[in-house]
């Protein structure tokens, strides 16, 4: 959970996750939907899918015990060299170097590595320094210490150099380069994309309202999560609905766009609330909209008032939209 996410953000998610899945066996036997539901809003959802797959792998291949050797750990989805090294070092099994963001910063400043840590050559140098700095004894204390040093003292901005225990030997401090080391990631303008998200409300029986949801598949954005139908801005929402449903359109209500920064680009979401008369009815019984593969398994209508109570994992912006819909 802490990969690319701060402790303050992670803490409530971690508590809820551990309360629901106190053992790897319970995690492995759960559905990916429930895992994603507890992860909803935390972002980088591949991590949730990986931890679920890893739990199943541990139960099926390792009798429910986390592997205690480096090579086996690396076979688990989502575990790379730094995470595997942290597991072995922090548990006192074997000294292995780690290189998370905090450790990169400490090593860069202490040894005067001036490049951007994300660059291949610089990353290799930092891995070498991490390995050379790792003691043979008390390596678990050292590993926890260097991680905590980066998290609480050697901060990206306004570091607490006055309480740093290694200040006398720190290259960056001695040369007044603390604000310049490590080098910042080169600024590149993120590309942008714009999409409609269609909030399709079907008027069911007894004055109930049903919301159409689809489950994203594959490794694409929000893969494995439940979401709203997405179409290009070049498409007209009314025409799209008329092509795919026999239901009468009662109203179309565009909402304010949402800016959603993602890791590689910025997504501008244009929500459109569309009320449809009657229960869900596809245009042809033998086919269904291309946005809804395998409708019996991966899409369908759900009572709007019950949607948030179900074990659905929603992307953050979709969760907010559904919340707004339930309050109207």
C-alpha atoms as a PDB file:
ATOM      1  CA  UNK A   1       0.000   0.000   0.000  1.00  0.00           C
ATOM      2  CA  UNK A   2       2.887   2.346   0.683  1.00  0.00           C
ATOM      3  CA  UNK A   3       4.237   2.053  -2.838  1.00  0.00           C
ATOM      4  CA  UNK A   4       3.883   5.565  -4.292  1.00  0.00           C
ATOM      5  CA  UNK A   5       1.466   6.507  -1.486  1.00  0.00           C
ATOM      6  CA  UNK A   6       2.066   8.381   1.773  1.00  0.00           C
ATOM      7  CA  UNK A   7       1.617   6.862   5.229  1.00  0.00           C
ATOM      8  CA  UNK A   8      -1.137   9.312   6.236  1.00  0.00           C
ATOM      9  CA  UNK A   9      -3.209   8.268   3.222  1.00  0.00           C
ATOM     10  CA  UNK A  10      -2.564   4.561   3.669  1.00  0.00           C
ATOM     11  CA  UNK A  11      -3.237   4.233   7.406  1.00  0.00           C
ATOM     12  CA  UNK A  12      -7.077   3.991   7.408  1.00  0.00           C
ATOM     13  CA  UNK A  13      -7.017   1.665   4.387  1.00  0.00           C
ATOM     14  CA  UNK A  14      -4.468  -0.587   6.098  1.00  0.00           C
ATOM     15  CA  UNK A  15      -6.534  -0.819   9.281  1.00  0.00           C
ATOM     16  CA  UNK A  16      -9.715  -1.741   7.399  1.00  0.00           C
ATOM     17  CA  UNK A  17      -7.828  -4.211   5.196  1.00  0.00           C
ATOM     18  CA  UNK A  18      -6.220  -6.028   8.106  1.00  0.00           C
ATOM     19  CA  UNK A  19      -9.481  -6.170  10.041  1.00  0.00           C
ATOM     20  CA  UNK A  20     -11.124  -7.907   7.089  1.00  0.00           C
ATOM     21  CA  UNK A  21      -8.130 -10.050   6.060  1.00  0.00           C
ATOM     22  CA  UNK A  22      -6.118 -10.868   9.206  1.00  0.00           C
ATOM     23  CA  UNK A  23      -4.510 -13.902   7.530  1.00  0.00           C
ATOM     24  CA  UNK A  24      -3.227 -14.691   4.071  1.00  0.00           C
ATOM     25  CA  UNK A  25      -5.694 -17.598   3.897  1.00  0.00           C
ATOM     26  CA  UNK A  26      -8.667 -15.275   4.332  1.00  0.00           C
ATOM     27  CA  UNK A  27      -7.258 -12.914   1.722  1.00  0.00           C
ATOM     28  CA  UNK A  28      -6.690 -15.744  -0.755  1.00  0.00           C
ATOM     29  CA  UNK A  29     -10.222 -17.104  -0.310  1.00  0.00           C
ATOM     30  CA  UNK A  30     -11.869 -13.713  -0.860  1.00  0.00           C
ATOM     31  CA  UNK A  31     -13.028 -12.355  -4.200  1.00  0.00           C
ATOM     32  CA  UNK A  32     -11.004  -9.780  -6.077  1.00  0.00           C
ATOM     33  CA  UNK A  33     -14.146  -7.610  -6.002  1.00  0.00           C
ATOM     34  CA  UNK A  34     -14.030  -7.432  -2.217  1.00  0.00           C
ATOM     35  CA  UNK A  35     -10.310  -6.667  -2.220  1.00  0.00           C
ATOM     36  CA  UNK A  36     -10.794  -3.869  -4.744  1.00  0.00           C
ATOM     37  CA  UNK A  37     -13.756  -2.526  -2.774  1.00  0.00           C
ATOM     38  CA  UNK A  38     -11.541  -2.070   0.303  1.00  0.00           C
ATOM     39  CA  UNK A  39      -8.840  -0.554  -1.923  1.00  0.00           C
ATOM     40  CA  UNK A  40     -11.248   1.859  -3.630  1.00  0.00           C
ATOM     41  CA  UNK A  41      -9.857   5.391  -3.613  1.00  0.00           C
ATOM     42  CA  UNK A  42      -6.263   4.367  -2.881  1.00  0.00           C
ATOM     43  CA  UNK A  43      -5.273   4.246  -6.542  1.00  0.00           C
ATOM     44  CA  UNK A  44      -2.714   2.146  -8.422  1.00  0.00           C
ATOM     45  CA  UNK A  45      -5.189  -0.741  -8.420  1.00  0.00           C
ATOM     46  CA  UNK A  46      -2.725  -3.215  -9.926  1.00  0.00           C
ATOM     47  CA  UNK A  47      -1.308  -3.398  -6.390  1.00  0.00           C
ATOM     48  CA  UNK A  48      -4.633  -4.737  -5.093  1.00  0.00           C
ATOM     49  CA  UNK A  49      -4.884  -7.302  -7.863  1.00  0.00           C
ATOM     50  CA  UNK A  50      -1.277  -8.340  -7.227  1.00  0.00           C
ATOM     51  CA  UNK A  51      -1.690  -8.777  -3.476  1.00  0.00           C
ATOM     52  CA  UNK A  52      -4.766 -10.947  -4.068  1.00  0.00           C
ATOM     53  CA  UNK A  53      -2.938 -13.079  -6.643  1.00  0.00           C
ATOM     54  CA  UNK A  54       0.103 -13.328  -4.358  1.00  0.00           C
ATOM     55  CA  UNK A  55      -2.057 -14.528  -1.462  1.00  0.00           C
ATOM     56  CA  UNK A  56      -3.538 -17.263  -3.636  1.00  0.00           C
ATOM     57  CA  UNK A  57      -0.067 -18.232  -4.858  1.00  0.00           C
ATOM     58  CA  UNK A  58       1.219 -18.403  -1.264  1.00  0.00           C
ATOM     59  CA  UNK A  59      -1.665 -20.629  -0.190  1.00  0.00           C
ATOM     60  CA  UNK A  60      -1.581 -22.906  -3.237  1.00  0.00           C
ATOM     61  CA  UNK A  61       2.177 -23.163  -3.769  1.00  0.00           C
ATOM     62  CA  UNK A  62       3.678 -22.485  -0.334  1.00  0.00           C
ATOM     63  CA  UNK A  63       1.167 -24.040   2.079  1.00  0.00           C
ATOM     64  CA  UNK A  64       0.050 -20.626   3.309  1.00  0.00           C
ATOM     65  CA  UNK A  65       3.529 -19.488   4.385  1.00  0.00           C
ATOM     66  CA  UNK A  66       5.291 -16.482   2.871  1.00  0.00           C
ATOM     67  CA  UNK A  67       8.486 -17.721   1.163  1.00  0.00           C
ATOM     68  CA  UNK A  68      11.648 -16.960   3.110  1.00  0.00           C
ATOM     69  CA  UNK A  69      14.099 -16.971   0.205  1.00  0.00           C
ATOM     70  CA  UNK A  70      14.801 -14.129  -2.190  1.00  0.00           C
ATOM     71  CA  UNK A  71      14.167 -15.905  -5.494  1.00  0.00           C
ATOM     72  CA  UNK A  72      10.807 -17.308  -4.373  1.00  0.00           C
ATOM     73  CA  UNK A  73       9.671 -13.903  -3.155  1.00  0.00           C
ATOM     74  CA  UNK A  74      10.440 -12.434  -6.568  1.00  0.00           C
ATOM     75  CA  UNK A  75       7.999 -14.882  -8.179  1.00  0.00           C
ATOM     76  CA  UNK A  76       5.081 -13.314  -6.300  1.00  0.00           C
ATOM     77  CA  UNK A  77       3.070 -10.737  -8.290  1.00  0.00           C
ATOM     78  CA  UNK A  78       3.969  -7.181  -7.359  1.00  0.00           C
ATOM     79  CA  UNK A  79       7.113  -8.016  -5.374  1.00  0.00           C
ATOM     80  CA  UNK A  80      10.332  -6.638  -6.829  1.00  0.00           C
ATOM     81  CA  UNK A  81      13.931  -6.560  -5.577  1.00  0.00           C
ATOM     82  CA  UNK A  82      13.414  -3.769  -3.030  1.00  0.00           C
ATOM     83  CA  UNK A  83      10.265  -5.261  -1.495  1.00  0.00           C
ATOM     84  CA  UNK A  84      11.817  -8.725  -1.365  1.00  0.00           C
ATOM     85  CA  UNK A  85      14.929  -7.261   0.236  1.00  0.00           C
ATOM     86  CA  UNK A  86      12.852  -5.385   2.809  1.00  0.00           C
ATOM     87  CA  UNK A  87      10.921  -8.535   3.748  1.00  0.00           C
ATOM     88  CA  UNK A  88      14.082 -10.559   4.347  1.00  0.00           C
ATOM     89  CA  UNK A  89      16.065  -7.797   6.051  1.00  0.00           C
ATOM     90  CA  UNK A  90      13.329  -6.460   8.326  1.00  0.00           C
ATOM     91  CA  UNK A  91      12.416  -9.982   9.436  1.00  0.00           C
ATOM     92  CA  UNK A  92      16.057 -10.728  10.277  1.00  0.00           C
ATOM     93  CA  UNK A  93      16.306 -13.648   7.857  1.00  0.00           C
ATOM     94  CA  UNK A  94      18.998 -12.392   5.499  1.00  0.00           C
ATOM     95  CA  UNK A  95      20.724  -9.061   4.778  1.00  0.00           C
ATOM     96  CA  UNK A  96      19.458  -7.741   1.463  1.00  0.00           C
ATOM     97  CA  UNK A  97      19.683  -4.186   0.098  1.00  0.00           C
ATOM     98  CA  UNK A  98      16.558  -2.113  -0.444  1.00  0.00           C
ATOM     99  CA  UNK A  99      15.961   1.001  -2.512  1.00  0.00           C
ATOM    100  CA  UNK A 100      12.637   2.683  -1.860  1.00  0.00           C
ATOM    101  CA  UNK A 101      12.141   6.413  -2.365  1.00  0.00           C
ATOM    102  CA  UNK A 102      13.306   7.363   1.118  1.00  0.00           C
ATOM    103  CA  UNK A 103      16.450   5.253   0.902  1.00  0.00           C
ATOM    104  CA  UNK A 104      17.287   6.714  -2.520  1.00  0.00           C
ATOM    105  CA  UNK A 105      17.163  10.203  -1.038  1.00  0.00           C
ATOM    106  CA  UNK A 106      19.338   9.349   1.998  1.00  0.00           C
ATOM    107  CA  UNK A 107      21.982   7.601  -0.103  1.00  0.00           C
ATOM    108  CA  UNK A 108      21.990  10.329  -2.752  1.00  0.00           C
ATOM    109  CA  UNK A 109      22.597  13.088  -0.203  1.00  0.00           C
ATOM    110  CA  UNK A 110      25.031  11.151   1.967  1.00  0.00           C
ATOM    111  CA  UNK A 111      27.249  10.000  -0.920  1.00  0.00           C
ATOM    112  CA  UNK A 112      26.670  12.993  -3.204  1.00  0.00           C
ATOM    113  CA  UNK A 113      24.912  11.208  -6.046  1.00  0.00           C
ATOM    114  CA  UNK A 114      23.675  14.180  -8.036  1.00  0.00           C
ATOM    115  CA  UNK A 115      21.610  12.598 -10.801  1.00  0.00           C
ATOM    116  CA  UNK A 116      17.909  11.781 -10.966  1.00  0.00           C
ATOM    117  CA  UNK A 117      17.340   8.407  -9.191  1.00  0.00           C
ATOM    118  CA  UNK A 118      14.907   7.315 -11.889  1.00  0.00           C
ATOM    119  CA  UNK A 119      17.678   7.270 -14.489  1.00  0.00           C
ATOM    120  CA  UNK A 120      19.121   3.810 -15.151  1.00  0.00           C
ATOM    121  CA  UNK A 121      22.768   4.704 -14.536  1.00  0.00           C
ATOM    122  CA  UNK A 122      21.970   6.576 -11.315  1.00  0.00           C
ATOM    123  CA  UNK A 123      19.683   3.792 -10.087  1.00  0.00           C
ATOM    124  CA  UNK A 124      22.442   1.226 -10.588  1.00  0.00           C
ATOM    125  CA  UNK A 125      24.882   3.402  -8.617  1.00  0.00           C
ATOM    126  CA  UNK A 126      22.390   3.692  -5.772  1.00  0.00           C
ATOM    127  CA  UNK A 127      21.781  -0.069  -5.729  1.00  0.00           C
ATOM    128  CA  UNK A 128      25.537  -0.605  -5.455  1.00  0.00           C
ATOM    129  CA  UNK A 129      25.769   1.905  -2.593  1.00  0.00           C
ATOM    130  CA  UNK A 130      22.785   0.307  -0.846  1.00  0.00           C
ATOM    131  CA  UNK A 131      24.441  -3.107  -1.006  1.00  0.00           C
ATOM    132  CA  UNK A 132      27.846  -1.802   0.151  1.00  0.00           C
ATOM    133  CA  UNK A 133      26.302   0.105   3.075  1.00  0.00           C
ATOM    134  CA  UNK A 134      24.366  -2.887   4.414  1.00  0.00           C
ATOM    135  CA  UNK A 135      26.041  -4.339   7.532  1.00  0.00           C
ATOM    136  CA  UNK A 136      26.377  -8.069   8.081  1.00  0.00           C
ATOM    137  CA  UNK A 137      25.184  -7.754  11.689  1.00  0.00           C
ATOM    138  CA  UNK A 138      22.085  -5.946  12.940  1.00  0.00           C
ATOM    139  CA  UNK A 139      20.998  -5.534   9.336  1.00  0.00           C
ATOM    140  CA  UNK A 140      17.320  -5.464  10.298  1.00  0.00           C
ATOM    141  CA  UNK A 141      17.927  -2.476  12.582  1.00  0.00           C
ATOM    142  CA  UNK A 142      19.946  -0.733   9.879  1.00  0.00           C
ATOM    143  CA  UNK A 143      17.265  -1.340   7.235  1.00  0.00           C
ATOM    144  CA  UNK A 144      14.473   0.012   9.422  1.00  0.00           C
ATOM    145  CA  UNK A 145      16.724   2.892  10.449  1.00  0.00           C
ATOM    146  CA  UNK A 146      17.592   4.107   6.961  1.00  0.00           C
ATOM    147  CA  UNK A 147      13.930   3.882   5.928  1.00  0.00           C
ATOM    148  CA  UNK A 148      12.854   5.892   8.976  1.00  0.00           C
ATOM    149  CA  UNK A 149      15.674   8.383   8.475  1.00  0.00           C
ATOM    150  CA  UNK A 150      14.347   9.177   5.021  1.00  0.00           C
ATOM    151  CA  UNK A 151      10.734   9.258   6.182  1.00  0.00           C
ATOM    152  CA  UNK A 152      11.170  11.506   9.216  1.00  0.00           C
ATOM    153  CA  UNK A 153      14.479  13.400   8.951  1.00  0.00           C
ATOM    154  CA  UNK A 154      15.927  13.435   5.437  1.00  0.00           C
ATOM    155  CA  UNK A 155      12.727  14.821   3.934  1.00  0.00           C
ATOM    156  CA  UNK A 156      12.337  15.926   0.302  1.00  0.00           C
ATOM    157  CA  UNK A 157      11.662  19.510   1.432  1.00  0.00           C
ATOM    158  CA  UNK A 158      12.909  21.220   4.582  1.00  0.00           C
ATOM    159  CA  UNK A 159      14.833  18.212   5.931  1.00  0.00           C
ATOM    160  CA  UNK A 160      15.576  18.122   9.653  1.00  0.00           C
ATOM    161  CA  UNK A 161      19.332  18.170   9.237  1.00  0.00           C
ATOM    162  CA  UNK A 162      19.870  19.496  12.766  1.00  0.00           C
ATOM    163  CA  UNK A 163      18.790  16.162  14.273  1.00  0.00           C
ATOM    164  CA  UNK A 164      20.345  13.907  11.645  1.00  0.00           C
ATOM    165  CA  UNK A 165      22.760  11.376  13.229  1.00  0.00           C
ATOM    166  CA  UNK A 166      24.979  11.215  10.120  1.00  0.00           C
ATOM    167  CA  UNK A 167      25.149  14.938   9.324  1.00  0.00           C
ATOM    168  CA  UNK A 168      28.906  15.178   9.929  1.00  0.00           C
ATOM    169  CA  UNK A 169      29.589  12.839   6.992  1.00  0.00           C
ATOM    170  CA  UNK A 170      26.778  13.923   4.671  1.00  0.00           C
ATOM    171  CA  UNK A 171      28.099  15.180   1.327  1.00  0.00           C
ATOM    172  CA  UNK A 172      25.021  17.253   0.533  1.00  0.00           C
ATOM    173  CA  UNK A 173      25.099  19.057   3.872  1.00  0.00           C
ATOM    174  CA  UNK A 174      28.842  19.696   3.763  1.00  0.00           C
ATOM    175  CA  UNK A 175      28.574  21.192   0.268  1.00  0.00           C
ATOM    176  CA  UNK A 176      25.278  23.059   0.847  1.00  0.00           C
ATOM    177  CA  UNK A 177      23.520  20.945  -1.769  1.00  0.00           C
ATOM    178  CA  UNK A 178      20.689  19.499   0.321  1.00  0.00           C
ATOM    179  CA  UNK A 179      18.059  21.266  -1.781  1.00  0.00           C
ATOM    180  CA  UNK A 180      19.661  20.107  -5.025  1.00  0.00           C
ATOM    181  CA  UNK A 181      20.293  16.444  -4.239  1.00  0.00           C
ATOM    182  CA  UNK A 182      18.763  14.213  -5.402  1.00  0.00           C
ATOM    183  CA  UNK A 183      18.056  15.823  -8.740  1.00  0.00           C
ATOM    184  CA  UNK A 184      14.377  16.359  -9.455  1.00  0.00           C
ATOM    185  CA  UNK A 185      12.618  14.318 -12.094  1.00  0.00           C
ATOM    186  CA  UNK A 186      12.713  16.152 -15.444  1.00  0.00           C
ATOM    187  CA  UNK A 187       9.454  18.006 -15.954  1.00  0.00           C
ATOM    188  CA  UNK A 188       7.477  16.764 -18.918  1.00  0.00           C
ATOM    189  CA  UNK A 189       4.053  17.978 -19.838  1.00  0.00           C
ATOM    190  CA  UNK A 190       1.515  15.224 -19.270  1.00  0.00           C
ATOM    191  CA  UNK A 191      -0.771  14.324 -22.109  1.00  0.00           C
ATOM    192  CA  UNK A 192      -4.487  14.739 -21.553  1.00  0.00           C
ATOM    193  CA  UNK A 193      -7.518  12.644 -22.432  1.00  0.00           C
ATOM    194  CA  UNK A 194     -11.206  13.472 -22.182  1.00  0.00           C
ATOM    195  CA  UNK A 195     -14.032  10.950 -21.853  1.00  0.00           C
ATOM    196  CA  UNK A 196     -17.730  10.877 -21.140  1.00  0.00           C
ATOM    197  CA  UNK A 197     -18.806   8.761 -18.179  1.00  0.00           C
ATOM    198  CA  UNK A 198     -22.483   7.907 -18.581  1.00  0.00           C
ATOM    199  CA  UNK A 199     -24.563   7.638 -15.440  1.00  0.00           C
ATOM    200  CA  UNK A 200     -27.430   5.564 -16.846  1.00  0.00           C
ATOM    201  CA  UNK A 201     -30.427   5.555 -14.512  1.00  0.00           C
ATOM    202  CA  UNK A 202     -33.249   3.156 -15.409  1.00  0.00           C
ATOM    203  CA  UNK A 203     -36.648   3.717 -13.796  1.00  0.00           C
ATOM    204  CA  UNK A 204     -37.558   0.307 -12.455  1.00  0.00           C
ATOM    205  CA  UNK A 205     -40.704  -0.995 -10.896  1.00  0.00           C
ATOM    206  CA  UNK A 206     -42.283   0.485  -7.733  1.00  0.00           C
ATOM    207  CA  UNK A 207     -40.480   3.778  -8.232  1.00  0.00           C
ATOM    208  CA  UNK A 208     -37.045   2.161  -7.858  1.00  0.00           C
ATOM    209  CA  UNK A 209     -34.070   3.483  -9.771  1.00  0.00           C
ATOM    210  CA  UNK A 210     -31.378   1.209 -11.159  1.00  0.00           C
ATOM    211  CA  UNK A 211     -27.838   2.254 -12.056  1.00  0.00           C
ATOM    212  CA  UNK A 212     -26.010   0.582 -14.924  1.00  0.00           C
ATOM    213  CA  UNK A 213     -22.466  -0.508 -14.028  1.00  0.00           C
ATOM    214  CA  UNK A 214     -19.769  -2.347 -15.930  1.00  0.00           C
ATOM    215  CA  UNK A 215     -16.788  -4.234 -14.614  1.00  0.00           C
ATOM    216  CA  UNK A 216     -13.554  -3.173 -16.275  1.00  0.00           C
ATOM    217  CA  UNK A 217     -11.501  -6.069 -17.573  1.00  0.00           C
ATOM    218  CA  UNK A 218      -7.822  -6.661 -18.239  1.00  0.00           C
ATOM    219  CA  UNK A 219      -4.949  -4.447 -17.199  1.00  0.00           C
ATOM    220  CA  UNK A 220      -6.416  -1.212 -18.535  1.00  0.00           C
ATOM    221  CA  UNK A 221      -7.263   1.818 -16.418  1.00  0.00           C
ATOM    222  CA  UNK A 222      -9.319   0.710 -13.401  1.00  0.00           C
ATOM    223  CA  UNK A 223      -9.056  -2.925 -14.490  1.00  0.00           C
ATOM    224  CA  UNK A 224     -11.106  -5.187 -12.217  1.00  0.00           C
ATOM    225  CA  UNK A 225     -13.107  -2.280 -10.806  1.00  0.00           C
ATOM    226  CA  UNK A 226     -16.759  -1.497 -11.377  1.00  0.00           C
ATOM    227  CA  UNK A 227     -17.317   1.706 -13.293  1.00  0.00           C
ATOM    228  CA  UNK A 228     -19.684   3.643 -15.558  1.00  0.00           C
ATOM    229  CA  UNK A 229     -19.869   3.269 -19.342  1.00  0.00           C
ATOM    230  CA  UNK A 230     -17.195   5.358 -21.041  1.00  0.00           C
ATOM    231  CA  UNK A 231     -17.411   6.876 -24.517  1.00  0.00           C
ATOM    232  CA  UNK A 232     -15.357   9.319 -26.534  1.00  0.00           C
ATOM    233  CA  UNK A 233     -16.213  13.009 -26.575  1.00  0.00           C
ATOM    234  CA  UNK A 234     -16.654  12.696 -30.328  1.00  0.00           C
ATOM    235  CA  UNK A 235     -19.708  10.524 -29.667  1.00  0.00           C
ATOM    236  CA  UNK A 236     -23.097  11.968 -28.776  1.00  0.00           C
ATOM    237  CA  UNK A 237     -24.474  10.423 -25.534  1.00  0.00           C
ATOM    238  CA  UNK A 238     -28.067  10.504 -26.790  1.00  0.00           C
ATOM    239  CA  UNK A 239     -27.212   8.837 -30.091  1.00  0.00           C
ATOM    240  CA  UNK A 240     -25.088   6.262 -28.300  1.00  0.00           C
ATOM    241  CA  UNK A 241     -27.965   5.315 -25.991  1.00  0.00           C
ATOM    242  CA  UNK A 242     -30.449   5.181 -28.852  1.00  0.00           C
ATOM    243  CA  UNK A 243     -28.152   2.790 -30.753  1.00  0.00           C
ATOM    244  CA  UNK A 244     -27.860   0.393 -27.847  1.00  0.00           C
ATOM    245  CA  UNK A 245     -31.143   0.512 -25.915  1.00  0.00           C
ATOM    246  CA  UNK A 246     -34.825   0.470 -26.770  1.00  0.00           C
ATOM    247  CA  UNK A 247     -35.625   2.447 -23.617  1.00  0.00           C
ATOM    248  CA  UNK A 248     -36.973   5.957 -24.014  1.00  0.00           C
ATOM    249  CA  UNK A 249     -34.581   8.682 -22.904  1.00  0.00           C
ATOM    250  CA  UNK A 250     -36.311  10.893 -20.340  1.00  0.00           C
ATOM    251  CA  UNK A 251     -33.552  13.416 -19.636  1.00  0.00           C
ATOM    252  CA  UNK A 252     -29.878  14.137 -20.257  1.00  0.00           C
ATOM    253  CA  UNK A 253     -28.050  16.192 -17.659  1.00  0.00           C
ATOM    254  CA  UNK A 254     -24.329  17.019 -18.138  1.00  0.00           C
ATOM    255  CA  UNK A 255     -22.414  17.564 -14.888  1.00  0.00           C
ATOM    256  CA  UNK A 256     -19.307  19.589 -14.202  1.00  0.00           C
ATOM    257  CA  UNK A 257     -16.125  17.965 -15.607  1.00  0.00           C
ATOM    258  CA  UNK A 258     -13.702  16.287 -13.205  1.00  0.00           C
ATOM    259  CA  UNK A 259      -9.939  16.575 -13.547  1.00  0.00           C
ATOM    260  CA  UNK A 260      -8.348  13.253 -12.587  1.00  0.00           C
ATOM    261  CA  UNK A 261      -4.517  13.200 -12.536  1.00  0.00           C
ATOM    262  CA  UNK A 262      -3.134   9.742 -13.278  1.00  0.00           C
ATOM    263  CA  UNK A 263       0.419   8.433 -13.248  1.00  0.00           C
ATOM    264  CA  UNK A 264       1.104   9.039 -16.940  1.00  0.00           C
ATOM    265  CA  UNK A 265      -1.572  11.468 -18.056  1.00  0.00           C
ATOM    266  CA  UNK A 266      -4.459  13.668 -16.955  1.00  0.00           C
ATOM    267  CA  UNK A 267      -7.978  12.400 -17.542  1.00  0.00           C
ATOM    268  CA  UNK A 268     -10.827  14.885 -17.864  1.00  0.00           C
ATOM    269  CA  UNK A 269     -14.060  13.122 -16.975  1.00  0.00           C
ATOM    270  CA  UNK A 270     -17.296  14.563 -18.338  1.00  0.00           C
ATOM    271  CA  UNK A 271     -20.129  12.955 -16.333  1.00  0.00           C
ATOM    272  CA  UNK A 272     -23.562  12.830 -17.957  1.00  0.00           C
ATOM    273  CA  UNK A 273     -26.638  11.729 -16.015  1.00  0.00           C
ATOM    274  CA  UNK A 274     -29.129  10.021 -18.339  1.00  0.00           C
ATOM    275  CA  UNK A 275     -32.562   8.874 -17.170  1.00  0.00           C
ATOM    276  CA  UNK A 276     -34.126   6.012 -19.100  1.00  0.00           C
ATOM    277  CA  UNK A 277     -37.746   4.850 -19.009  1.00  0.00           C
ATOM    278  CA  UNK A 278     -38.359   1.346 -17.695  1.00  0.00           C
ATOM    279  CA  UNK A 279     -36.021  -1.519 -16.976  1.00  0.00           C
ATOM    280  CA  UNK A 280     -32.819  -2.181 -18.888  1.00  0.00           C
ATOM    281  CA  UNK A 281     -33.520  -3.383 -22.427  1.00  0.00           C
ATOM    282  CA  UNK A 282     -30.787  -3.820 -25.032  1.00  0.00           C
ATOM    283  CA  UNK A 283     -31.543  -2.933 -28.635  1.00  0.00           C
ATOM    284  CA  UNK A 284     -31.081  -6.575 -29.709  1.00  0.00           C
ATOM    285  CA  UNK A 285     -31.310  -9.607 -27.476  1.00  0.00           C
ATOM    286  CA  UNK A 286     -28.552 -11.314 -29.451  1.00  0.00           C
ATOM    287  CA  UNK A 287     -25.983  -8.562 -28.950  1.00  0.00           C
ATOM    288  CA  UNK A 288     -25.034  -5.909 -26.468  1.00  0.00           C
ATOM    289  CA  UNK A 289     -23.078  -2.634 -26.481  1.00  0.00           C
ATOM    290  CA  UNK A 290     -19.390  -3.053 -27.119  1.00  0.00           C
ATOM    291  CA  UNK A 291     -18.700  -1.359 -23.777  1.00  0.00           C
ATOM    292  CA  UNK A 292     -20.395  -4.209 -21.915  1.00  0.00           C
ATOM    293  CA  UNK A 293     -18.635  -7.547 -22.575  1.00  0.00           C
ATOM    294  CA  UNK A 294     -20.349 -10.639 -21.172  1.00  0.00           C
ATOM    295  CA  UNK A 295     -23.271  -8.706 -19.682  1.00  0.00           C
ATOM    296  CA  UNK A 296     -24.413 -11.488 -17.359  1.00  0.00           C
ATOM    297  CA  UNK A 297     -21.026 -11.542 -15.665  1.00  0.00           C
ATOM    298  CA  UNK A 298     -19.520  -8.117 -16.101  1.00  0.00           C
ATOM    299  CA  UNK A 299     -22.309  -5.578 -16.332  1.00  0.00           C
ATOM    300  CA  UNK A 300     -25.883  -4.939 -15.354  1.00  0.00           C
ATOM    301  CA  UNK A 301     -28.307  -2.788 -13.406  1.00  0.00           C
ATOM    302  CA  UNK A 302     -28.181  -2.491  -9.654  1.00  0.00           C
ATOM    303  CA  UNK A 303     -30.558  -0.726  -7.280  1.00  0.00           C
ATOM    304  CA  UNK A 304     -29.083   2.744  -6.875  1.00  0.00           C
ATOM    305  CA  UNK A 305     -29.804   2.934  -3.153  1.00  0.00           C
ATOM    306  CA  UNK A 306     -27.980  -0.378  -2.571  1.00  0.00           C
ATOM    307  CA  UNK A 307     -25.002   0.204  -4.846  1.00  0.00           C
ATOM    308  CA  UNK A 308     -22.660   1.601  -2.223  1.00  0.00           C
ATOM    309  CA  UNK A 309     -23.509  -1.216   0.189  1.00  0.00           C
ATOM    310  CA  UNK A 310     -22.377  -3.909  -2.252  1.00  0.00           C
ATOM    311  CA  UNK A 311     -18.833  -5.265  -2.406  1.00  0.00           C
ATOM    312  CA  UNK A 312     -17.997  -3.215  -5.470  1.00  0.00           C
ATOM    313  CA  UNK A 313     -14.584  -1.684  -5.943  1.00  0.00           C
ATOM    314  CA  UNK A 314     -15.105   1.738  -7.512  1.00  0.00           C
ATOM    315  CA  UNK A 315     -12.420   4.111  -8.824  1.00  0.00           C
ATOM    316  CA  UNK A 316     -12.278   7.241  -6.669  1.00  0.00           C
ATOM    317  CA  UNK A 317     -14.083   9.598  -9.087  1.00  0.00           C
ATOM    318  CA  UNK A 318     -16.772   7.004  -9.847  1.00  0.00           C
ATOM    319  CA  UNK A 319     -17.341   6.453  -6.131  1.00  0.00           C
ATOM    320  CA  UNK A 320     -17.890  10.193  -5.690  1.00  0.00           C
ATOM    321  CA  UNK A 321     -20.313  10.314  -8.610  1.00  0.00           C
ATOM    322  CA  UNK A 322     -22.320   7.382  -7.296  1.00  0.00           C
ATOM    323  CA  UNK A 323     -22.457   9.053  -3.883  1.00  0.00           C
ATOM    324  CA  UNK A 324     -23.875  12.175  -5.475  1.00  0.00           C
ATOM    325  CA  UNK A 325     -26.452  10.167  -7.400  1.00  0.00           C
ATOM    326  CA  UNK A 326     -27.722   8.456  -4.262  1.00  0.00           C
ATOM    327  CA  UNK A 327     -28.290  11.826  -2.586  1.00  0.00           C
ATOM    328  CA  UNK A 328     -30.442  13.249  -5.369  1.00  0.00           C
END
